Amino acid sequence: MRRSLIFVLALACGLTVANLYYSQPLLDLIADAFGVSQGAATIVVTLTQIGYALGLLFLLPLGDLVENRKLTTRLLVGTATALLLAAVSPAYPLFLVVSVFVGVTSVVAQILVPLAAHLAPPEQRGALVGKVMGGLLLGILLARTVSSFVADLFGWRAIYFVSAALMIVLAVILRRMIPVLEPSHTAGYGKLLRTVGDLARTEPTLRRRALCQGLLFGAFSAFWTAIAYELIGEHGFGQAEIAIFALVGAGGATAAPLAGKLADRGYGVIASGGAILLVGAMAVLAAVGHGSVVVLAVAGFLLDFAVQAHQVMSQHEIYALREDARARINTVFMTTVFTCGALSSAATGLLHHRYGWTGACVLAAALSLAAFAVWAVGRRASRRRPAPAVAR
């Protein structure tokens, strides 16, 4: 794990996962361009996340079956193609279809995170995966800022052209830097998918961690899907101002290295409970203090910090379950996470249309409360029986 490789993996994760979030601050512009309502424009976010969930379910397991360097570069070429089609789409239905394919092919980030865990020494796994996750989280959190600035200068379609070019550059760099690793699974694709279901059935820790993170990501999606509408309608923001506001979320990426170190020292479970409570508290704060941009910024920063910290601590725990099946473990985990995110985005569109910003915040608070219930049940169960040595 050379420093240069860690940096490149973090950069690649950030740039590829950003494709899922470029549209969030542009929904007003997309609605105007295609002549659809704000509620209809929100479907772009939902379909992109559904596409990502499909990619996680059907493409991510290939990380245990196909040589990772080859798989990564081919998927990046596919992502670039989908982004170019999105950039030139003349009609809204076509744009929606292409958005699904942007999501499907953007799973490269989730192939690279288990790869980093595989290459890292066991005693440094949490810290190194945290660094790579830091890049991924910066991609999530800076995507809105970048797309807002680019849209303000060149129009909303420009970000799709820019990202397509970046995917090709990444394909070339990763082709040169990723080491060749023999796949851990040699049976057929059908059997590979069946083992994904086996992992979900036989690993209660994986199920609990996946559901908790999915619920928290739903809260995250509710906040960031609706925030642009709130800033425009309540505070009169334009695209440049929205871009600056979105920068506060980038601070949440600082959670990744800290969470990785806490997990390495054995505090992952208790710190996860604290992160869940923080998400709920910030959802309530955002609802009560929506009249202040400063309060919304603080809530957004701390909400992002808590969600990202919980994810890193979750991945530290689940990657230790089965070293020969990390891609498939990540399939169960991330498919659950983004399915919850897609459902939350769809629900946010409906609730915001009817109840405004308060509806989105109530949804986020309810999801965090459900996550805490799952965490508490898992905590109680783990106290009743000793954890297997391999999972520690």
Protein backbone atom coordinates (compact mmCIF):
# COMPACT_ATOMS: atom_id res chain seq x y z
CA MET A 1 0.00 0.00 0.00
CA ARG A 2 2.23 2.79 -1.29
CA ARG A 3 1.14 6.33 -0.46
CA SER A 4 0.65 7.04 -4.14
CA LEU A 5 -1.70 4.07 -4.47
CA ILE A 6 -3.71 5.13 -1.41
CA PHE A 7 -4.07 8.61 -2.90
CA VAL A 8 -5.11 7.30 -6.30
CA LEU A 9 -7.66 4.89 -4.79
CA ALA A 10 -9.12 7.70 -2.67
CA LEU A 11 -9.25 10.04 -5.68
CA ALA A 12 -10.87 7.39 -7.89
CA CYS A 13 -13.48 6.60 -5.25
CA GLY A 14 -14.34 10.27 -4.86
CA LEU A 15 -14.61 11.05 -8.57
CA THR A 16 -16.70 8.00 -9.43
CA VAL A 17 -19.17 8.20 -6.55
CA ALA A 18 -19.64 11.93 -7.23
CA ASN A 19 -21.60 10.97 -10.35
CA LEU A 20 -24.50 10.00 -8.10
CA TYR A 21 -24.77 13.46 -6.54
CA TYR A 22 -24.09 15.99 -9.29
CA SER A 23 -27.80 16.28 -10.04
CA GLN A 24 -28.97 17.09 -6.49
CA PRO A 25 -28.32 20.87 -6.53
CA LEU A 26 -29.33 21.11 -10.20
CA LEU A 27 -32.90 19.85 -9.86
CA ASP A 28 -34.38 23.32 -10.39
CA LEU A 29 -32.34 23.78 -13.58
CA ILE A 30 -33.17 20.28 -14.83
CA ALA A 31 -36.88 20.86 -14.16
CA ASP A 32 -36.79 24.12 -16.16
CA ALA A 33 -34.76 22.60 -19.01
CA PHE A 34 -37.16 19.70 -19.56
CA GLY A 35 -40.34 21.52 -18.54
CA VAL A 36 -41.22 19.25 -15.59
CA SER A 37 -42.20 19.93 -11.98
CA GLN A 38 -39.80 19.94 -9.03
CA GLY A 39 -41.32 16.68 -7.79
CA ALA A 40 -40.71 15.06 -11.18
CA ALA A 41 -37.14 16.34 -11.23
CA THR A 42 -36.46 14.63 -7.89
CA ILE A 43 -36.95 11.31 -9.71
CA VAL A 44 -33.50 11.84 -11.27
CA VAL A 45 -31.87 11.35 -7.85
CA THR A 46 -34.05 8.34 -7.07
CA LEU A 47 -33.36 6.57 -10.38
CA THR A 48 -29.62 7.22 -10.19
CA GLN A 49 -29.53 5.62 -6.75
CA ILE A 50 -31.70 2.72 -7.92
CA GLY A 51 -29.24 2.19 -10.75
CA TYR A 52 -26.39 2.23 -8.26
CA ALA A 53 -28.18 -0.33 -6.10
CA LEU A 54 -28.62 -2.57 -9.17
CA GLY A 55 -24.93 -2.20 -9.99
CA LEU A 56 -24.01 -3.08 -6.43
CA LEU A 57 -26.20 -6.17 -6.54
CA PHE A 58 -25.21 -7.51 -9.95
CA LEU A 59 -21.79 -6.00 -10.76
CA LEU A 60 -20.02 -5.54 -7.42
CA PRO A 61 -19.85 -9.31 -6.68
CA LEU A 62 -17.69 -9.61 -9.80
CA GLY A 63 -14.90 -8.14 -7.66
CA ASP A 64 -14.46 -11.67 -6.25
CA LEU A 65 -14.70 -13.32 -9.68
CA VAL A 66 -12.98 -11.03 -12.21
CA GLU A 67 -9.49 -9.56 -11.95
CA ASN A 68 -10.05 -6.14 -10.34
CA ARG A 69 -7.91 -4.02 -12.67
CA LYS A 70 -9.74 -5.28 -15.74
CA LEU A 71 -13.15 -4.93 -14.12
CA THR A 72 -12.45 -1.39 -12.91
CA THR A 73 -11.22 0.00 -16.22
CA ARG A 74 -14.09 -1.49 -18.20
CA LEU A 75 -16.68 -0.08 -15.81
CA LEU A 76 -15.09 3.37 -16.02
CA VAL A 77 -15.41 3.34 -19.81
CA GLY A 78 -19.07 2.41 -19.37
CA THR A 79 -19.56 5.28 -16.91
CA ALA A 80 -17.99 7.75 -19.34
CA THR A 81 -20.35 6.60 -22.09
CA ALA A 82 -23.42 6.96 -19.87
CA LEU A 83 -22.35 10.45 -18.75
CA LEU A 84 -21.91 11.61 -22.34
CA LEU A 85 -25.39 10.35 -23.20
CA ALA A 86 -26.79 12.24 -20.18
CA ALA A 87 -25.05 15.41 -21.32
CA VAL A 88 -26.67 15.34 -24.76
CA SER A 89 -30.09 13.91 -23.85
CA PRO A 90 -32.76 15.91 -25.72
CA ALA A 91 -35.78 14.57 -23.79
CA TYR A 92 -36.51 13.96 -20.12
CA PRO A 93 -37.48 10.26 -20.42
CA LEU A 94 -34.15 9.53 -22.15
CA PHE A 95 -32.29 11.49 -19.48
CA LEU A 96 -33.97 9.39 -16.78
CA VAL A 97 -33.02 6.12 -18.48
CA VAL A 98 -29.42 7.24 -18.89
CA SER A 99 -29.34 8.33 -15.23
CA VAL A 100 -30.02 4.72 -14.26
CA PHE A 101 -26.99 3.59 -16.28
CA VAL A 102 -24.83 6.30 -14.72
CA GLY A 103 -25.72 4.78 -11.35
CA VAL A 104 -25.21 1.17 -12.49
CA THR A 105 -21.69 1.78 -13.79
CA SER A 106 -20.52 4.03 -10.92
CA VAL A 107 -19.95 1.08 -8.58
CA VAL A 108 -16.19 1.31 -9.20
CA ALA A 109 -15.77 3.05 -5.84
CA GLN A 110 -17.22 0.05 -4.02
CA ILE A 111 -14.84 -2.29 -5.84
CA LEU A 112 -11.84 -0.20 -4.79
CA VAL A 113 -12.72 0.08 -1.06
CA PRO A 114 -12.61 -3.73 -0.47
CA LEU A 115 -9.46 -3.82 -2.60
CA ALA A 116 -7.84 -1.33 -0.21
CA ALA A 117 -8.92 -3.49 2.74
CA HIS A 118 -7.39 -6.54 1.03
CA LEU A 119 -4.05 -4.81 0.42
CA ALA A 120 -3.77 -3.17 3.86
CA PRO A 121 -1.94 -4.83 6.80
CA PRO A 122 -4.53 -6.07 9.35
CA GLU A 123 -3.31 -3.77 12.12
CA GLN A 124 -3.67 -0.70 9.85
CA ARG A 125 -6.79 -1.76 7.95
CA GLY A 126 -9.17 0.65 9.68
CA ALA A 127 -6.87 3.65 9.22
CA LEU A 128 -6.06 2.92 5.56
CA VAL A 129 -9.63 2.10 4.60
CA GLY A 130 -10.59 5.30 6.42
CA LYS A 131 -8.23 7.28 4.18
CA VAL A 132 -9.67 5.75 1.02
CA MET A 133 -13.17 6.29 2.37
CA GLY A 134 -12.21 9.89 3.07
CA GLY A 135 -11.70 10.36 -0.67
CA LEU A 136 -15.01 8.68 -1.39
CA LEU A 137 -16.82 10.86 1.12
CA LEU A 138 -15.21 14.03 -0.23
CA GLY A 139 -16.55 13.00 -3.63
CA ILE A 140 -20.05 12.66 -2.20
CA LEU A 141 -19.88 15.92 -0.30
CA LEU A 142 -18.05 18.10 -2.85
CA ALA A 143 -20.07 16.87 -5.83
CA ARG A 144 -22.86 19.32 -5.07
CA THR A 145 -20.47 22.25 -4.79
CA VAL A 146 -18.63 21.41 -7.99
CA SER A 147 -21.78 20.82 -10.03
CA SER A 148 -23.33 24.06 -8.75
CA PHE A 149 -20.28 26.13 -9.70
CA VAL A 150 -19.95 24.45 -13.10
CA ALA A 151 -23.67 24.95 -13.79
CA ASP A 152 -23.43 28.60 -12.78
CA LEU A 153 -20.58 29.14 -15.26
CA PHE A 154 -21.37 26.82 -18.18
CA GLY A 155 -24.86 25.38 -17.70
CA TRP A 156 -26.05 22.23 -15.96
CA ARG A 157 -25.06 19.84 -18.78
CA ALA A 158 -21.38 20.79 -18.55
CA ILE A 159 -20.71 18.72 -15.41
CA TYR A 160 -21.63 15.54 -17.28
CA PHE A 161 -19.10 16.31 -20.04
CA VAL A 162 -16.40 17.09 -17.46
CA SER A 163 -17.04 13.92 -15.47
CA ALA A 164 -17.00 11.75 -18.60
CA ALA A 165 -13.50 13.01 -19.42
CA LEU A 166 -12.35 12.35 -15.85
CA MET A 167 -13.60 8.74 -16.01
CA ILE A 168 -11.41 8.08 -19.06
CA VAL A 169 -8.37 9.61 -17.34
CA LEU A 170 -9.02 7.46 -14.26
CA ALA A 171 -9.27 4.32 -16.37
CA VAL A 172 -5.79 4.95 -17.77
CA ILE A 173 -4.24 5.72 -14.35
CA LEU A 174 -5.81 2.77 -12.55
CA ARG A 175 -4.82 0.43 -15.38
CA ARG A 176 -1.21 1.33 -14.62
CA MET A 177 -1.30 1.38 -10.80
CA ILE A 178 -3.64 -1.33 -9.52
CA PRO A 179 -1.74 -4.58 -8.85
CA VAL A 180 -2.98 -7.73 -10.56
CA LEU A 181 -4.73 -9.97 -8.01
CA GLU A 182 -6.11 -13.41 -8.71
CA PRO A 183 -9.88 -13.64 -8.01
CA SER A 184 -10.85 -15.42 -4.78
CA HIS A 185 -13.90 -17.10 -6.35
CA THR A 186 -13.58 -19.39 -9.38
CA ALA A 187 -17.10 -20.81 -9.77
CA GLY A 188 -19.68 -19.35 -12.13
CA TYR A 189 -21.49 -16.02 -11.90
CA GLY A 190 -24.78 -17.65 -10.88
CA LYS A 191 -23.17 -19.45 -7.95
CA LEU A 192 -21.40 -16.22 -7.01
CA LEU A 193 -24.74 -14.41 -6.71
CA ARG A 194 -26.19 -17.24 -4.64
CA THR A 195 -23.34 -16.90 -2.16
CA VAL A 196 -24.28 -13.24 -1.72
CA GLY A 197 -27.65 -14.39 -0.41
CA ASP A 198 -25.92 -16.96 1.79
CA LEU A 199 -23.81 -14.22 3.37
CA ALA A 200 -26.90 -12.12 4.09
CA ARG A 201 -28.58 -15.10 5.77
CA THR A 202 -25.65 -16.35 7.82
CA GLU A 203 -24.00 -13.13 9.02
CA PRO A 204 -26.21 -11.27 11.53
CA THR A 205 -23.53 -8.61 12.05
CA LEU A 206 -23.60 -7.85 8.33
CA ARG A 207 -27.40 -7.58 8.30
CA ARG A 208 -27.45 -5.28 11.32
CA ARG A 209 -24.67 -3.02 10.07
CA ALA A 210 -26.20 -2.81 6.59
CA LEU A 211 -29.67 -1.92 7.87
CA CYS A 212 -28.33 0.70 10.32
CA GLN A 213 -26.24 2.39 7.65
CA GLY A 214 -29.09 2.19 5.16
CA LEU A 215 -31.41 4.02 7.53
CA LEU A 216 -28.79 6.68 8.25
CA PHE A 217 -28.09 7.11 4.56
CA GLY A 218 -31.82 7.57 4.09
CA ALA A 219 -31.66 10.46 6.58
CA PHE A 220 -28.65 11.86 4.72
CA SER A 221 -30.53 11.63 1.39
CA ALA A 222 -33.62 13.31 2.83
CA PHE A 223 -31.59 16.30 4.02
CA TRP A 224 -29.52 16.81 0.86
CA THR A 225 -32.32 16.08 -1.61
CA ALA A 226 -34.53 18.80 -0.11
CA ILE A 227 -31.94 21.37 0.98
CA ALA A 228 -31.62 23.07 -2.42
CA TYR A 229 -35.36 23.74 -2.52
CA GLU A 230 -35.21 25.14 1.03
CA LEU A 231 -32.25 27.41 0.27
CA ILE A 232 -33.85 28.71 -2.93
CA GLY A 233 -37.38 29.15 -1.58
CA GLU A 234 -36.67 30.28 2.00
CA HIS A 235 -33.37 32.12 1.62
CA GLY A 236 -33.30 33.19 -2.03
CA PHE A 237 -30.08 31.35 -2.90
CA GLY A 238 -28.77 31.01 -6.45
CA GLN A 239 -26.54 28.21 -7.78
CA ALA A 240 -23.31 29.90 -6.62
CA GLU A 241 -24.66 30.33 -3.08
CA ILE A 242 -25.86 26.72 -3.01
CA ALA A 243 -22.38 25.64 -4.08
CA ILE A 244 -20.80 27.52 -1.19
CA PHE A 245 -23.33 26.07 1.27
CA ALA A 246 -22.60 22.53 0.07
CA LEU A 247 -18.96 23.01 1.11
CA VAL A 248 -20.00 22.66 4.75
CA GLY A 249 -20.84 19.04 4.08
CA ALA A 250 -17.31 18.36 2.87
CA GLY A 251 -16.11 18.73 6.43
CA GLY A 252 -17.93 15.51 7.20
CA ALA A 253 -15.20 13.63 5.35
CA THR A 254 -12.90 14.30 8.30
CA ALA A 255 -14.90 11.63 10.11
CA ALA A 256 -13.42 8.81 8.04
CA PRO A 257 -9.83 8.69 9.38
CA LEU A 258 -11.02 9.36 12.95
CA ALA A 259 -13.65 6.63 12.75
CA GLY A 260 -11.09 4.21 11.31
CA LYS A 261 -8.74 4.79 14.23
CA LEU A 262 -11.55 4.36 16.77
CA ALA A 263 -12.51 1.08 15.12
CA ASP A 264 -8.88 -0.14 15.17
CA ARG A 265 -8.83 0.54 18.93
CA GLY A 266 -12.04 -1.40 19.61
CA TYR A 267 -14.49 1.47 20.10
CA GLY A 268 -16.45 0.94 16.88
CA VAL A 269 -19.68 -0.37 18.39
CA ILE A 270 -20.23 2.24 21.09
CA ALA A 271 -19.12 5.10 18.81
CA SER A 272 -21.63 3.89 16.22
CA GLY A 273 -24.45 4.41 18.69
CA GLY A 274 -23.26 7.95 19.34
CA ALA A 275 -23.14 8.66 15.61
CA ILE A 276 -26.74 7.48 15.18
CA LEU A 277 -27.96 9.76 17.98
CA LEU A 278 -26.11 12.70 16.43
CA VAL A 279 -27.90 12.18 13.09
CA GLY A 280 -31.29 12.33 14.80
CA ALA A 281 -30.36 15.42 16.79
CA MET A 282 -29.21 17.25 13.64
CA ALA A 283 -32.44 16.39 11.80
CA VAL A 284 -34.41 18.00 14.63
CA LEU A 285 -32.07 21.01 14.69
CA ALA A 286 -32.48 21.52 10.94
CA ALA A 287 -36.26 21.50 11.29
CA VAL A 288 -36.38 23.89 14.23
CA GLY A 289 -33.69 26.28 12.98
CA HIS A 290 -34.48 26.33 9.25
CA GLY A 291 -34.82 30.12 9.31
CA SER A 292 -31.06 30.45 9.87
CA VAL A 293 -28.55 29.47 7.18
CA VAL A 294 -25.89 29.08 9.89
CA VAL A 295 -28.02 26.56 11.78
CA LEU A 296 -28.68 24.62 8.56
CA ALA A 297 -24.94 24.60 7.82
CA VAL A 298 -24.07 23.29 11.29
CA ALA A 299 -26.76 20.62 11.02
CA GLY A 300 -25.54 19.58 7.56
CA PHE A 301 -21.91 19.33 8.67
CA LEU A 302 -22.59 17.28 11.80
CA LEU A 303 -25.15 15.06 10.06
CA ASP A 304 -22.62 14.25 7.32
CA PHE A 305 -19.89 13.70 9.91
CA ALA A 306 -22.02 11.20 11.84
CA VAL A 307 -23.25 9.26 8.79
CA GLN A 308 -19.74 8.90 7.34
CA ALA A 309 -18.22 7.90 10.70
CA HIS A 310 -20.84 5.19 11.11
CA GLN A 311 -20.11 3.84 7.63
CA VAL A 312 -16.36 3.55 8.19
CA MET A 313 -16.86 1.80 11.54
CA SER A 314 -19.38 -0.53 9.92
CA GLN A 315 -17.05 -1.45 7.08
CA HIS A 316 -14.19 -2.07 9.49
CA GLU A 317 -16.36 -4.65 11.27
CA ILE A 318 -17.90 -6.39 8.25
CA TYR A 319 -14.65 -6.69 6.24
CA ALA A 320 -13.23 -8.77 9.08
CA LEU A 321 -16.01 -11.36 8.77
CA ARG A 322 -14.78 -13.13 5.62
CA GLU A 323 -11.48 -12.14 4.02
CA ASP A 324 -12.23 -14.23 0.91
CA ALA A 325 -15.61 -12.57 0.28
CA ARG A 326 -15.11 -8.85 0.84
CA ALA A 327 -16.63 -7.80 -2.50
CA ARG A 328 -19.74 -9.88 -1.82
CA ILE A 329 -19.96 -8.62 1.76
CA ASN A 330 -19.77 -5.09 0.37
CA THR A 331 -22.51 -6.05 -2.09
CA VAL A 332 -24.92 -6.88 0.74
CA PHE A 333 -23.90 -3.80 2.70
CA MET A 334 -23.96 -1.18 -0.05
CA THR A 335 -27.01 -2.56 -1.88
CA THR A 336 -28.95 -2.20 1.35
CA VAL A 337 -27.56 1.29 1.91
CA PHE A 338 -28.42 2.65 -1.53
CA THR A 339 -31.78 0.93 -1.72
CA CYS A 340 -32.70 2.75 1.49
CA GLY A 341 -31.27 5.95 0.03
CA ALA A 342 -33.33 5.63 -3.15
CA LEU A 343 -36.53 4.97 -1.21
CA SER A 344 -35.79 7.92 1.05
CA SER A 345 -35.19 10.23 -1.93
CA ALA A 346 -38.53 9.20 -3.43
CA ALA A 347 -40.31 9.71 -0.10
CA THR A 348 -38.58 13.07 0.35
CA GLY A 349 -39.96 14.31 -2.96
CA LEU A 350 -43.50 13.44 -1.89
CA LEU A 351 -43.17 14.79 1.65
CA HIS A 352 -41.49 18.00 0.55
CA HIS A 353 -44.21 18.63 -2.01
CA ARG A 354 -46.86 18.31 0.71
CA TYR A 355 -45.21 19.42 3.93
CA GLY A 356 -42.14 21.37 2.80
CA TRP A 357 -38.79 21.28 4.59
CA THR A 358 -40.33 20.07 7.85
CA GLY A 359 -41.55 16.90 6.14
CA ALA A 360 -38.02 16.06 4.96
CA CYS A 361 -36.57 16.66 8.44
CA VAL A 362 -39.21 14.53 10.15
CA LEU A 363 -38.38 11.70 7.75
CA ALA A 364 -34.66 12.02 8.56
CA ALA A 365 -35.35 12.00 12.32
CA ALA A 366 -37.63 8.96 12.05
CA LEU A 367 -35.03 7.02 10.06
CA SER A 368 -32.31 7.77 12.60
CA LEU A 369 -34.61 6.64 15.42
CA ALA A 370 -35.20 3.34 13.60
CA ALA A 371 -31.42 2.96 13.15
CA PHE A 372 -30.86 3.43 16.87
CA ALA A 373 -33.44 0.72 17.61
CA VAL A 374 -31.56 -1.69 15.33
CA TRP A 375 -28.25 -0.76 16.97
CA ALA A 376 -29.69 -1.26 20.46
CA VAL A 377 -31.10 -4.70 19.61
CA GLY A 378 -27.75 -5.75 18.14
CA ARG A 379 -25.88 -4.39 21.15
CA ARG A 380 -28.09 -6.36 23.53
CA ALA A 381 -27.68 -9.55 21.49
CA SER A 382 -23.88 -9.19 21.39
CA ARG A 383 -23.77 -8.94 25.18
CA ARG A 384 -25.67 -12.19 25.52
CA ARG A 385 -23.19 -14.19 23.46
CA PRO A 386 -19.41 -13.78 22.86
CA ALA A 387 -18.47 -12.49 19.43
CA PRO A 388 -16.65 -14.95 17.12
CA ALA A 389 -12.89 -14.38 17.11
CA VAL A 390 -12.83 -13.81 13.33
CA ALA A 391 -15.26 -10.89 13.60
CA ARG A 392 -13.21 -8.87 16.07
